[in-house]
């Protein structure tokens, strides 16, 4: 693809592997941008498979996030999994919990600073569950 194609698309789309999201604030803007983007794809001999297209949605689940009129938010099932997570008793369990929390790090201001007590426990030979670690764990839940 040429540079013009790429620069035009990035203004209007979120592209991830084989997924393309066209998003806008108004229906009129959406139709205009969708037409523009589909025209660019066609010009480059790239096509969307109609059976895999969902058009005009006001909300969708995408890569563990819900994207809608109010913006981007966390998927409720993943939030529930975090809230219900049992206290880790070993490094493997902590890493599993931490991986799920890390997925949503952009929703937590000062994530790295707040996460330090649990991050420190992931270092080799450092897993000792302390009251400070438990307080941090509960805060992230």
Protein backbone atom coordinates (compact mmCIF):
# COMPACT_ATOMS: atom_id res chain seq x y z
CA UNK A 1 0.00 0.00 0.00
CA UNK A 2 1.23 3.45 -0.75
CA UNK A 3 1.82 6.19 1.84
CA UNK A 4 -1.18 8.24 0.73
CA UNK A 5 -3.44 5.27 1.32
CA UNK A 6 -2.07 4.78 4.82
CA UNK A 7 -2.25 8.46 5.81
CA UNK A 8 -5.83 8.77 4.57
CA UNK A 9 -6.97 5.66 6.41
CA UNK A 10 -5.46 6.45 9.79
CA UNK A 11 -7.62 9.57 10.07
CA UNK A 12 -10.80 7.51 9.95
CA UNK A 13 -10.08 3.96 11.03
CA UNK A 14 -8.81 1.69 13.71
CA UNK A 15 -7.18 -1.30 12.02
CA UNK A 16 -6.02 -4.40 13.90
CA UNK A 17 -4.97 -7.43 11.89
CA UNK A 18 -8.08 -8.21 9.85
CA UNK A 19 -10.50 -5.96 11.75
CA UNK A 20 -11.41 -2.48 10.58
CA UNK A 21 -13.45 -0.10 12.71
CA UNK A 22 -14.84 3.11 11.31
CA UNK A 23 -16.09 5.33 14.10
CA UNK A 24 -17.61 8.80 14.22
CA UNK A 25 -19.66 11.08 16.42
CA UNK A 26 -22.57 11.58 14.03
CA UNK A 27 -24.39 9.34 11.57
CA UNK A 28 -23.77 11.76 8.70
CA UNK A 29 -20.03 11.84 9.40
CA UNK A 30 -20.03 8.06 9.66
CA UNK A 31 -21.65 7.56 6.24
CA UNK A 32 -19.22 10.02 4.64
CA UNK A 33 -16.14 8.42 6.19
CA UNK A 34 -17.36 4.90 5.54
CA UNK A 35 -17.86 5.77 1.88
CA UNK A 36 -14.38 7.33 1.74
CA UNK A 37 -12.73 4.35 3.40
CA UNK A 38 -14.50 1.74 1.33
CA UNK A 39 -13.53 3.71 -1.79
CA UNK A 40 -9.87 3.68 -0.73
CA UNK A 41 -9.99 -0.04 0.02
CA UNK A 42 -11.58 -0.71 -3.38
CA UNK A 43 -9.00 1.42 -5.17
CA UNK A 44 -6.27 -0.69 -3.56
CA UNK A 45 -8.12 -3.93 -4.51
CA UNK A 46 -8.96 -4.70 -0.89
CA UNK A 47 -12.49 -5.76 -0.04
CA UNK A 48 -14.60 -6.37 3.04
CA UNK A 49 -16.57 -9.59 3.21
CA UNK A 50 -20.20 -8.53 3.56
CA UNK A 51 -21.10 -11.41 5.90
CA UNK A 52 -18.45 -10.20 8.36
CA UNK A 53 -19.55 -6.56 8.35
CA UNK A 54 -21.61 -4.95 11.09
CA UNK A 55 -22.71 -1.49 10.03
CA UNK A 56 -24.28 1.37 11.98
CA UNK A 57 -23.67 -0.08 15.43
CA UNK A 58 -23.80 2.27 18.41
CA UNK A 59 -21.78 -0.11 20.62
CA UNK A 60 -19.51 -3.10 20.09
CA UNK A 61 -17.23 -5.44 21.96
CA UNK A 62 -13.71 -5.24 20.55
CA UNK A 63 -10.53 -6.75 21.97
CA UNK A 64 -11.83 -6.81 25.53
CA UNK A 65 -13.24 -3.29 25.40
CA UNK A 66 -16.70 -1.93 24.78
CA UNK A 67 -16.64 0.95 22.33
CA UNK A 68 -19.78 3.05 22.24
CA UNK A 69 -21.32 6.48 22.26
CA UNK A 70 -19.93 7.16 25.74
CA UNK A 71 -16.39 6.23 24.71
CA UNK A 72 -14.32 3.17 25.58
CA UNK A 73 -14.91 1.12 28.71
CA UNK A 74 -13.85 -2.20 30.16
CA UNK A 75 -15.70 -5.40 29.35
CA UNK A 76 -17.96 -6.24 32.35
CA UNK A 77 -17.07 -9.96 32.32
CA UNK A 78 -13.36 -9.15 32.61
CA UNK A 79 -14.02 -6.62 35.38
CA UNK A 80 -16.05 -9.28 37.21
CA UNK A 81 -13.16 -11.75 36.86
CA UNK A 82 -10.79 -9.21 38.42
CA UNK A 83 -13.16 -8.36 41.28
CA UNK A 84 -13.78 -12.04 42.09
CA UNK A 85 -10.13 -13.12 41.78
CA UNK A 86 -8.98 -15.11 44.83
CA UNK A 87 -5.89 -13.99 46.74
CA UNK A 88 -2.83 -15.39 44.93
CA UNK A 89 -0.85 -17.98 46.88
CA UNK A 90 2.02 -18.30 44.41
CA UNK A 91 3.80 -16.42 41.65
CA UNK A 92 1.86 -18.12 38.84
CA UNK A 93 -1.49 -17.03 40.28
CA UNK A 94 -0.19 -13.50 40.80
CA UNK A 95 1.05 -13.32 37.21
CA UNK A 96 -2.34 -14.50 35.91
CA UNK A 97 -4.13 -11.81 37.91
CA UNK A 98 -1.56 -9.21 36.96
CA UNK A 99 -1.87 -10.00 33.27
CA UNK A 100 -5.60 -9.34 33.40
CA UNK A 101 -5.12 -6.08 35.34
CA UNK A 102 -2.33 -4.98 33.02
CA UNK A 103 -4.68 -5.37 30.06
CA UNK A 104 -6.68 -2.42 31.46
CA UNK A 105 -3.75 -0.32 32.68
CA UNK A 106 -4.83 2.65 30.55
CA UNK A 107 -7.91 3.03 32.76
CA UNK A 108 -5.81 3.52 35.95
CA UNK A 109 -4.06 6.84 36.50
CA UNK A 110 -0.55 6.27 37.86
CA UNK A 111 -0.80 2.54 37.20
CA UNK A 112 2.92 1.78 37.56
CA UNK A 113 3.22 3.73 40.81
CA UNK A 114 0.18 2.03 42.34
CA UNK A 115 1.27 -1.37 41.03
CA UNK A 116 4.78 -1.32 42.52
CA UNK A 117 4.07 -3.62 45.51
CA UNK A 118 2.70 -6.37 43.26
CA UNK A 119 5.23 -5.78 40.49
CA UNK A 120 8.04 -6.26 43.01
CA UNK A 121 6.62 -9.68 43.93
CA UNK A 122 7.07 -10.89 40.35
CA UNK A 123 10.86 -10.66 40.57
CA UNK A 124 12.68 -13.95 40.88
CA UNK A 125 12.50 -15.29 44.43
CA UNK A 126 10.57 -12.26 45.73
CA UNK A 127 7.08 -13.73 46.18
CA UNK A 128 6.19 -13.14 49.81
CA UNK A 129 2.58 -12.08 50.36
CA UNK A 130 2.65 -9.11 52.73
CA UNK A 131 -0.08 -6.84 54.09
CA UNK A 132 1.16 -4.17 51.65
CA UNK A 133 0.81 -6.63 48.75
CA UNK A 134 -2.67 -7.61 49.91
CA UNK A 135 -3.72 -3.95 50.18
CA UNK A 136 -2.44 -3.32 46.63
CA UNK A 137 -4.22 -6.45 45.38
CA UNK A 138 -7.52 -5.33 46.92
CA UNK A 139 -7.09 -1.82 45.52
CA UNK A 140 -6.75 -3.18 41.98
CA UNK A 141 -9.75 -5.45 42.48
